[in-house]
Amino acid sequence: MKREEIYKQIKEMFGVVPVMFTTLPDSSLEMEWQLFKRVQFDEGPIPNKYRELIGVAISAVTKCPLLRLFPYGGGQAERCD
């Protein structure tokens, strides 16, 4: 899959392409995107709704503006300092 196609999928999901994806080389972008979707959205031992609530709680405690954006877009943001 080409970078443009992957960016289109990411934009459809989040509205923007997070920086963590723009810095990846072409050779690993598709693999990282597939892994990200699997880790963030597939059901696991912790249900997705609880993972999202954990993300909201962390963003409230750390006052991280990036984490506040992404729970509503379907996933988490890149690392906040």
PDB file of N, CA and C in Angstrom:
ATOM      1  N   MET A   1       0.860  -1.174   0.000  1.00  0.00           N
ATOM      2  CA  MET A   1       0.000   0.000   0.000  1.00  0.00           C
ATOM      3  C   MET A   1       0.908   1.239   0.000  1.00  0.00           C
ATOM      4  N   LYS A   2       0.533   2.253  -0.738  1.00  0.00           N
ATOM      5  CA  LYS A   2       1.334   3.462  -0.838  1.00  0.00           C
ATOM      6  C   LYS A   2       1.066   4.403   0.333  1.00  0.00           C
ATOM      7  N   ARG A   3       2.039   5.265   0.593  1.00  0.00           N
ATOM      8  CA  ARG A   3       1.945   6.233   1.688  1.00  0.00           C
ATOM      9  C   ARG A   3       0.651   7.052   1.593  1.00  0.00           C
ATOM     10  N   GLU A   4       0.287   7.494   0.406  1.00  0.00           N
ATOM     11  CA  GLU A   4      -0.915   8.314   0.237  1.00  0.00           C
ATOM     12  C   GLU A   4      -2.176   7.552   0.640  1.00  0.00           C
ATOM     13  N   GLU A   5      -2.231   6.270   0.300  1.00  0.00           N
ATOM     14  CA  GLU A   5      -3.398   5.451   0.662  1.00  0.00           C
ATOM     15  C   GLU A   5      -3.484   5.269   2.175  1.00  0.00           C
ATOM     16  N   ILE A   6      -2.330   5.062   2.800  1.00  0.00           N
ATOM     17  CA  ILE A   6      -2.303   4.887   4.258  1.00  0.00           C
ATOM     18  C   ILE A   6      -2.702   6.192   4.939  1.00  0.00           C
ATOM     19  N   TYR A   7      -2.159   7.311   4.462  1.00  0.00           N
ATOM     20  CA  TYR A   7      -2.531   8.612   5.023  1.00  0.00           C
ATOM     21  C   TYR A   7      -4.025   8.869   4.871  1.00  0.00           C
ATOM     22  N   LYS A   8      -4.615   8.444   3.770  1.00  0.00           N
ATOM     23  CA  LYS A   8      -6.053   8.619   3.562  1.00  0.00           C
ATOM     24  C   LYS A   8      -6.839   7.850   4.622  1.00  0.00           C
ATOM     25  N   GLN A   9      -6.431   6.601   4.892  1.00  0.00           N
ATOM     26  CA  GLN A   9      -7.096   5.806   5.936  1.00  0.00           C
ATOM     27  C   GLN A   9      -6.964   6.473   7.300  1.00  0.00           C
ATOM     28  N   ILE A  10      -5.759   6.960   7.592  1.00  0.00           N
ATOM     29  CA  ILE A  10      -5.515   7.602   8.891  1.00  0.00           C
ATOM     30  C   ILE A  10      -6.367   8.859   9.026  1.00  0.00           C
ATOM     31  N   LYS A  11      -6.425   9.671   7.964  1.00  0.00           N
ATOM     32  CA  LYS A  11      -7.233  10.898   7.997  1.00  0.00           C
ATOM     33  C   LYS A  11      -8.711  10.586   8.157  1.00  0.00           C
ATOM     34  N   GLU A  12      -9.185   9.508   7.531  1.00  0.00           N
ATOM     35  CA  GLU A  12     -10.588   9.116   7.690  1.00  0.00           C
ATOM     36  C   GLU A  12     -10.885   8.738   9.134  1.00  0.00           C
ATOM     37  N   MET A  13      -9.911   8.138   9.805  1.00  0.00           N
ATOM     38  CA  MET A  13     -10.120   7.701  11.177  1.00  0.00           C
ATOM     39  C   MET A  13      -9.954   8.834  12.191  1.00  0.00           C
ATOM     40  N   PHE A  14      -8.928   9.682  12.001  1.00  0.00           N
ATOM     41  CA  PHE A  14      -8.594  10.694  12.997  1.00  0.00           C
ATOM     42  C   PHE A  14      -8.851  12.130  12.554  1.00  0.00           C
ATOM     43  N   GLY A  15      -8.969  12.367  11.263  1.00  0.00           N
ATOM     44  CA  GLY A  15      -9.109  13.726  10.774  1.00  0.00           C
ATOM     45  C   GLY A  15      -7.778  14.379  10.419  1.00  0.00           C
ATOM     46  N   VAL A  16      -6.703  13.869  10.993  1.00  0.00           N
ATOM     47  CA  VAL A  16      -5.336  14.343  10.732  1.00  0.00           C
ATOM     48  C   VAL A  16      -4.412  13.135  10.728  1.00  0.00           C
ATOM     49  N   VAL A  17      -3.196  13.344  10.241  1.00  0.00           N
ATOM     50  CA  VAL A  17      -2.176  12.293  10.306  1.00  0.00           C
ATOM     51  C   VAL A  17      -1.223  12.660  11.433  1.00  0.00           C
ATOM     52  N   PRO A  18      -1.214  11.905  12.537  1.00  0.00           N
ATOM     53  CA  PRO A  18      -0.304  12.216  13.633  1.00  0.00           C
ATOM     54  C   PRO A  18       1.161  12.157  13.187  1.00  0.00           C
ATOM     55  N   VAL A  19       1.970  12.983  13.812  1.00  0.00           N
ATOM     56  CA  VAL A  19       3.383  13.089  13.458  1.00  0.00           C
ATOM     57  C   VAL A  19       4.090  11.743  13.543  1.00  0.00           C
ATOM     58  N   MET A  20       3.667  10.898  14.464  1.00  0.00           N
ATOM     59  CA  MET A  20       4.342   9.607  14.614  1.00  0.00           C
ATOM     60  C   MET A  20       4.288   8.785  13.326  1.00  0.00           C
ATOM     61  N   PHE A  21       3.300   9.028  12.458  1.00  0.00           N
ATOM     62  CA  PHE A  21       3.223   8.312  11.186  1.00  0.00           C
ATOM     63  C   PHE A  21       3.985   9.028  10.075  1.00  0.00           C
ATOM     64  N   THR A  22       4.077  10.337  10.148  1.00  0.00           N
ATOM     65  CA  THR A  22       4.755  11.078   9.076  1.00  0.00           C
ATOM     66  C   THR A  22       6.265  10.902   9.127  1.00  0.00           C
ATOM     67  N   THR A  23       6.790  10.498  10.282  1.00  0.00           N
ATOM     68  CA  THR A  23       8.241  10.342  10.415  1.00  0.00           C
ATOM     69  C   THR A  23       8.721   8.934  10.084  1.00  0.00           C
ATOM     70  N   LEU A  24       7.811   8.007   9.851  1.00  0.00           N
ATOM     71  CA  LEU A  24       8.189   6.628   9.541  1.00  0.00           C
ATOM     72  C   LEU A  24       8.648   6.500   8.090  1.00  0.00           C
ATOM     73  N   PRO A  25       9.630   5.645   7.840  1.00  0.00           N
ATOM     74  CA  PRO A  25      10.041   5.405   6.455  1.00  0.00           C
ATOM     75  C   PRO A  25       8.974   4.613   5.703  1.00  0.00           C
ATOM     76  N   ASP A  26       8.970   4.760   4.388  1.00  0.00           N
ATOM     77  CA  ASP A  26       8.000   4.042   3.553  1.00  0.00           C
ATOM     78  C   ASP A  26       8.028   2.539   3.791  1.00  0.00           C
ATOM     79  N   SER A  27       9.215   2.010   4.046  1.00  0.00           N
ATOM     80  CA  SER A  27       9.371   0.557   4.197  1.00  0.00           C
ATOM     81  C   SER A  27       8.633  -0.009   5.410  1.00  0.00           C
ATOM     82  N   SER A  28       8.351   0.816   6.422  1.00  0.00           N
ATOM     83  CA  SER A  28       7.685   0.281   7.611  1.00  0.00           C
ATOM     84  C   SER A  28       6.345   0.944   7.919  1.00  0.00           C
ATOM     85  N   LEU A  29       5.942   1.933   7.146  1.00  0.00           N
ATOM     86  CA  LEU A  29       4.704   2.657   7.438  1.00  0.00           C
ATOM     87  C   LEU A  29       3.483   1.748   7.449  1.00  0.00           C
ATOM     88  N   GLU A  30       3.319   0.926   6.425  1.00  0.00           N
ATOM     89  CA  GLU A  30       2.137   0.062   6.366  1.00  0.00           C
ATOM     90  C   GLU A  30       2.106  -0.916   7.544  1.00  0.00           C
ATOM     91  N   MET A  31       3.234  -1.512   7.863  1.00  0.00           N
ATOM     92  CA  MET A  31       3.300  -2.457   8.975  1.00  0.00           C
ATOM     93  C   MET A  31       2.946  -1.760  10.298  1.00  0.00           C
ATOM     94  N   GLU A  32       3.480  -0.564  10.515  1.00  0.00           N
ATOM     95  CA  GLU A  32       3.200   0.174  11.747  1.00  0.00           C
ATOM     96  C   GLU A  32       1.736   0.583  11.838  1.00  0.00           C
ATOM     97  N   TRP A  33       1.144   0.965  10.719  1.00  0.00           N
ATOM     98  CA  TRP A  33      -0.267   1.345  10.708  1.00  0.00           C
ATOM     99  C   TRP A  33      -1.146   0.142  11.043  1.00  0.00           C
ATOM    100  N   GLN A  34      -0.843  -1.013  10.438  1.00  0.00           N
ATOM    101  CA  GLN A  34      -1.616  -2.221  10.728  1.00  0.00           C
ATOM    102  C   GLN A  34      -1.480  -2.612  12.202  1.00  0.00           C
ATOM    103  N   LEU A  35      -0.274  -2.530  12.726  1.00  0.00           N
ATOM    104  CA  LEU A  35      -0.035  -2.857  14.132  1.00  0.00           C
ATOM    105  C   LEU A  35      -0.774  -1.880  15.048  1.00  0.00           C
ATOM    106  N   PHE A  36      -0.695  -0.599  14.724  1.00  0.00           N
ATOM    107  CA  PHE A  36      -1.383   0.420  15.520  1.00  0.00           C
ATOM    108  C   PHE A  36      -2.882   0.132  15.590  1.00  0.00           C
ATOM    109  N   LYS A  37      -3.496  -0.156  14.442  1.00  0.00           N
ATOM    110  CA  LYS A  37      -4.938  -0.450  14.428  1.00  0.00           C
ATOM    111  C   LYS A  37      -5.256  -1.684  15.265  1.00  0.00           C
ATOM    112  N   ARG A  38      -4.429  -2.705  15.144  1.00  0.00           N
ATOM    113  CA  ARG A  38      -4.673  -3.936  15.893  1.00  0.00           C
ATOM    114  C   ARG A  38      -4.571  -3.691  17.398  1.00  0.00           C
ATOM    115  N   VAL A  39      -3.530  -3.002  17.810  1.00  0.00           N
ATOM    116  CA  VAL A  39      -3.308  -2.760  19.245  1.00  0.00           C
ATOM    117  C   VAL A  39      -4.378  -1.835  19.819  1.00  0.00           C
ATOM    118  N   GLN A  40      -4.741  -0.796  19.077  1.00  0.00           N
ATOM    119  CA  GLN A  40      -5.656   0.206  19.607  1.00  0.00           C
ATOM    120  C   GLN A  40      -7.131  -0.169  19.499  1.00  0.00           C
ATOM    121  N   PHE A  41      -7.508  -0.927  18.483  1.00  0.00           N
ATOM    122  CA  PHE A  41      -8.934  -1.100  18.223  1.00  0.00           C
ATOM    123  C   PHE A  41      -9.451  -2.523  18.348  1.00  0.00           C
ATOM    124  N   ASP A  42      -8.595  -3.527  18.243  1.00  0.00           N
ATOM    125  CA  ASP A  42      -9.063  -4.903  18.419  1.00  0.00           C
ATOM    126  C   ASP A  42      -9.371  -5.146  19.890  1.00  0.00           C
ATOM    127  N   GLU A  43     -10.368  -5.970  20.126  1.00  0.00           N
ATOM    128  CA  GLU A  43     -10.712  -6.314  21.505  1.00  0.00           C
ATOM    129  C   GLU A  43      -9.564  -7.078  22.151  1.00  0.00           C
ATOM    130  N   GLY A  44      -9.326  -6.794  23.390  1.00  0.00           N
ATOM    131  CA  GLY A  44      -8.285  -7.472  24.150  1.00  0.00           C
ATOM    132  C   GLY A  44      -8.797  -7.762  25.538  1.00  0.00           C
ATOM    133  N   PRO A  45      -7.889  -8.009  26.479  1.00  0.00           N
ATOM    134  CA  PRO A  45      -8.314  -8.304  27.844  1.00  0.00           C
ATOM    135  C   PRO A  45      -9.036  -7.128  28.497  1.00  0.00           C
ATOM    136  N   ILE A  46      -8.693  -5.900  28.083  1.00  0.00           N
ATOM    137  CA  ILE A  46      -9.390  -4.709  28.578  1.00  0.00           C
ATOM    138  C   ILE A  46     -10.288  -4.215  27.445  1.00  0.00           C
ATOM    139  N   PRO A  47     -11.596  -4.148  27.670  1.00  0.00           N
ATOM    140  CA  PRO A  47     -12.500  -3.683  26.613  1.00  0.00           C
ATOM    141  C   PRO A  47     -12.141  -2.267  26.142  1.00  0.00           C
ATOM    142  N   ASN A  48     -12.411  -1.993  24.869  1.00  0.00           N
ATOM    143  CA  ASN A  48     -12.047  -0.706  24.278  1.00  0.00           C
ATOM    144  C   ASN A  48     -12.616   0.486  25.041  1.00  0.00           C
ATOM    145  N   LYS A  49     -13.852   0.382  25.505  1.00  0.00           N
ATOM    146  CA  LYS A  49     -14.442   1.537  26.193  1.00  0.00           C
ATOM    147  C   LYS A  49     -13.667   1.863  27.466  1.00  0.00           C
ATOM    148  N   TYR A  50     -13.116   0.848  28.146  1.00  0.00           N
ATOM    149  CA  TYR A  50     -12.332   1.106  29.348  1.00  0.00           C
ATOM    150  C   TYR A  50     -10.956   1.665  28.993  1.00  0.00           C
ATOM    151  N   ARG A  51     -10.385   1.194  27.880  1.00  0.00           N
ATOM    152  CA  ARG A  51      -9.108   1.758  27.434  1.00  0.00           C
ATOM    153  C   ARG A  51      -9.269   3.233  27.097  1.00  0.00           C
ATOM    154  N   GLU A  52     -10.385   3.582  26.462  1.00  0.00           N
ATOM    155  CA  GLU A  52     -10.639   4.991  26.137  1.00  0.00           C
ATOM    156  C   GLU A  52     -10.799   5.821  27.410  1.00  0.00           C
ATOM    157  N   LEU A  53     -11.505   5.280  28.387  1.00  0.00           N
ATOM    158  CA  LEU A  53     -11.667   6.001  29.658  1.00  0.00           C
ATOM    159  C   LEU A  53     -10.329   6.181  30.368  1.00  0.00           C
ATOM    160  N   ILE A  54      -9.471   5.183  30.297  1.00  0.00           N
ATOM    161  CA  ILE A  54      -8.134   5.299  30.879  1.00  0.00           C
ATOM    162  C   ILE A  54      -7.370   6.427  30.180  1.00  0.00           C
ATOM    163  N   GLY A  55      -7.482   6.504  28.857  1.00  0.00           N
ATOM    164  CA  GLY A  55      -6.827   7.576  28.106  1.00  0.00           C
ATOM    165  C   GLY A  55      -7.331   8.949  28.504  1.00  0.00           C
ATOM    166  N   VAL A  56      -8.639   9.089  28.712  1.00  0.00           N
ATOM    167  CA  VAL A  56      -9.213  10.362  29.145  1.00  0.00           C
ATOM    168  C   VAL A  56      -8.694  10.719  30.534  1.00  0.00           C
ATOM    169  N   ALA A  57      -8.624   9.735  31.428  1.00  0.00           N
ATOM    170  CA  ALA A  57      -8.122   9.994  32.780  1.00  0.00           C
ATOM    171  C   ALA A  57      -6.654  10.424  32.752  1.00  0.00           C
ATOM    172  N   ILE A  58      -5.857   9.751  31.956  1.00  0.00           N
ATOM    173  CA  ILE A  58      -4.436  10.106  31.855  1.00  0.00           C
ATOM    174  C   ILE A  58      -4.283  11.512  31.296  1.00  0.00           C
ATOM    175  N   SER A  59      -5.061  11.850  30.280  1.00  0.00           N
ATOM    176  CA  SER A  59      -4.946  13.191  29.693  1.00  0.00           C
ATOM    177  C   SER A  59      -5.363  14.261  30.694  1.00  0.00           C
ATOM    178  N   ALA A  60      -6.335  13.953  31.550  1.00  0.00           N
ATOM    179  CA  ALA A  60      -6.754  14.917  32.568  1.00  0.00           C
ATOM    180  C   ALA A  60      -5.654  15.130  33.607  1.00  0.00           C
ATOM    181  N   VAL A  61      -5.000  14.058  34.001  1.00  0.00           N
ATOM    182  CA  VAL A  61      -3.948  14.155  35.014  1.00  0.00           C
ATOM    183  C   VAL A  61      -2.700  14.830  34.458  1.00  0.00           C
ATOM    184  N   THR A  62      -2.300  14.453  33.226  1.00  0.00           N
ATOM    185  CA  THR A  62      -1.065  15.003  32.645  1.00  0.00           C
ATOM    186  C   THR A  62      -1.292  16.335  31.946  1.00  0.00           C
ATOM    187  N   LYS A  63      -2.555  16.704  31.740  1.00  0.00           N
ATOM    188  CA  LYS A  63      -2.916  17.934  31.028  1.00  0.00           C
ATOM    189  C   LYS A  63      -2.280  17.993  29.637  1.00  0.00           C
ATOM    190  N   CYS A  64      -2.246  16.841  28.994  1.00  0.00           N
ATOM    191  CA  CYS A  64      -1.648  16.717  27.671  1.00  0.00           C
ATOM    192  C   CYS A  64      -2.704  17.039  26.607  1.00  0.00           C
ATOM    193  N   PRO A  65      -2.482  18.097  25.795  1.00  0.00           N
ATOM    194  CA  PRO A  65      -3.494  18.442  24.784  1.00  0.00           C
ATOM    195  C   PRO A  65      -3.646  17.386  23.691  1.00  0.00           C
ATOM    196  N   LEU A  66      -2.579  16.660  23.365  1.00  0.00           N
ATOM    197  CA  LEU A  66      -2.679  15.642  22.313  1.00  0.00           C
ATOM    198  C   LEU A  66      -3.532  14.470  22.757  1.00  0.00           C
ATOM    199  N   LEU A  67      -3.370  14.024  23.984  1.00  0.00           N
ATOM    200  CA  LEU A  67      -4.174  12.903  24.466  1.00  0.00           C
ATOM    201  C   LEU A  67      -5.642  13.275  24.589  1.00  0.00           C
ATOM    202  N   ARG A  68      -5.926  14.542  24.807  1.00  0.00           N
ATOM    203  CA  ARG A  68      -7.328  14.950  24.895  1.00  0.00           C
ATOM    204  C   ARG A  68      -8.019  14.864  23.539  1.00  0.00           C
ATOM    205  N   LEU A  69      -7.273  15.018  22.454  1.00  0.00           N
ATOM    206  CA  LEU A  69      -7.872  14.981  21.125  1.00  0.00           C
ATOM    207  C   LEU A  69      -8.254  13.575  20.688  1.00  0.00           C
ATOM    208  N   PHE A  70      -7.405  12.609  20.953  1.00  0.00           N
ATOM    209  CA  PHE A  70      -7.538  11.325  20.293  1.00  0.00           C
ATOM    210  C   PHE A  70      -8.511  10.338  20.899  1.00  0.00           C
ATOM    211  N   PRO A  71      -8.854  10.395  22.184  1.00  0.00           N
ATOM    212  CA  PRO A  71      -9.876   9.439  22.628  1.00  0.00           C
ATOM    213  C   PRO A  71     -11.180   9.596  21.854  1.00  0.00           C
ATOM    214  N   TYR A  72     -11.479  10.796  21.399  1.00  0.00           N
ATOM    215  CA  TYR A  72     -12.716  11.017  20.667  1.00  0.00           C
ATOM    216  C   TYR A  72     -12.573  10.654  19.202  1.00  0.00           C
ATOM    217  N   GLY A  73     -11.330  10.514  18.715  1.00  0.00           N
ATOM    218  CA  GLY A  73     -11.101  10.147  17.331  1.00  0.00           C
ATOM    219  C   GLY A  73     -10.873   8.663  17.163  1.00  0.00           C
ATOM    220  N   GLY A  74     -10.910   7.911  18.243  1.00  0.00           N
ATOM    221  CA  GLY A  74     -10.796   6.470  18.134  1.00  0.00           C
ATOM    222  C   GLY A  74      -9.458   5.898  18.532  1.00  0.00           C
ATOM    223  N   GLY A  75      -8.561   6.663  19.130  1.00  0.00           N
ATOM    224  CA  GLY A  75      -7.273   6.108  19.523  1.00  0.00           C
ATOM    225  C   GLY A  75      -6.459   7.073  20.335  1.00  0.00           C
ATOM    226  N   GLN A  76      -5.275   6.684  20.656  1.00  0.00           N
ATOM    227  CA  GLN A  76      -4.396   7.490  21.470  1.00  0.00           C
ATOM    228  C   GLN A  76      -3.429   8.293  20.612  1.00  0.00           C
ATOM    229  N   ALA A  77      -2.836   9.307  21.192  1.00  0.00           N
ATOM    230  CA  ALA A  77      -1.889  10.167  20.490  1.00  0.00           C
ATOM    231  C   ALA A  77      -0.461   9.731  20.771  1.00  0.00           C
ATOM    232  N   GLU A  78       0.455  10.368  20.063  1.00  0.00           N
ATOM    233  CA  GLU A  78       1.854  10.078  20.307  1.00  0.00           C
ATOM    234  C   GLU A  78       2.270  10.588  21.686  1.00  0.00           C
ATOM    235  N   ARG A  79       3.453  10.249  22.077  1.00  0.00           N
ATOM    236  CA  ARG A  79       3.967  10.548  23.413  1.00  0.00           C
ATOM    237  C   ARG A  79       3.907  12.037  23.718  1.00  0.00           C
ATOM    238  N   CYS A  80       3.496  12.382  24.917  1.00  0.00           N
ATOM    239  CA  CYS A  80       3.468  13.774  25.378  1.00  0.00           C
ATOM    240  C   CYS A  80       4.554  13.948  26.428  1.00  0.00           C
ATOM    241  N   ASP A  81       5.224  15.077  26.351  1.00  0.00           N
ATOM    242  CA  ASP A  81       6.253  15.375  27.370  1.00  0.00           C
ATOM    243  C   ASP A  81       5.721  16.365  28.377  1.00  0.00           C
TER     244      ASP A  81
END
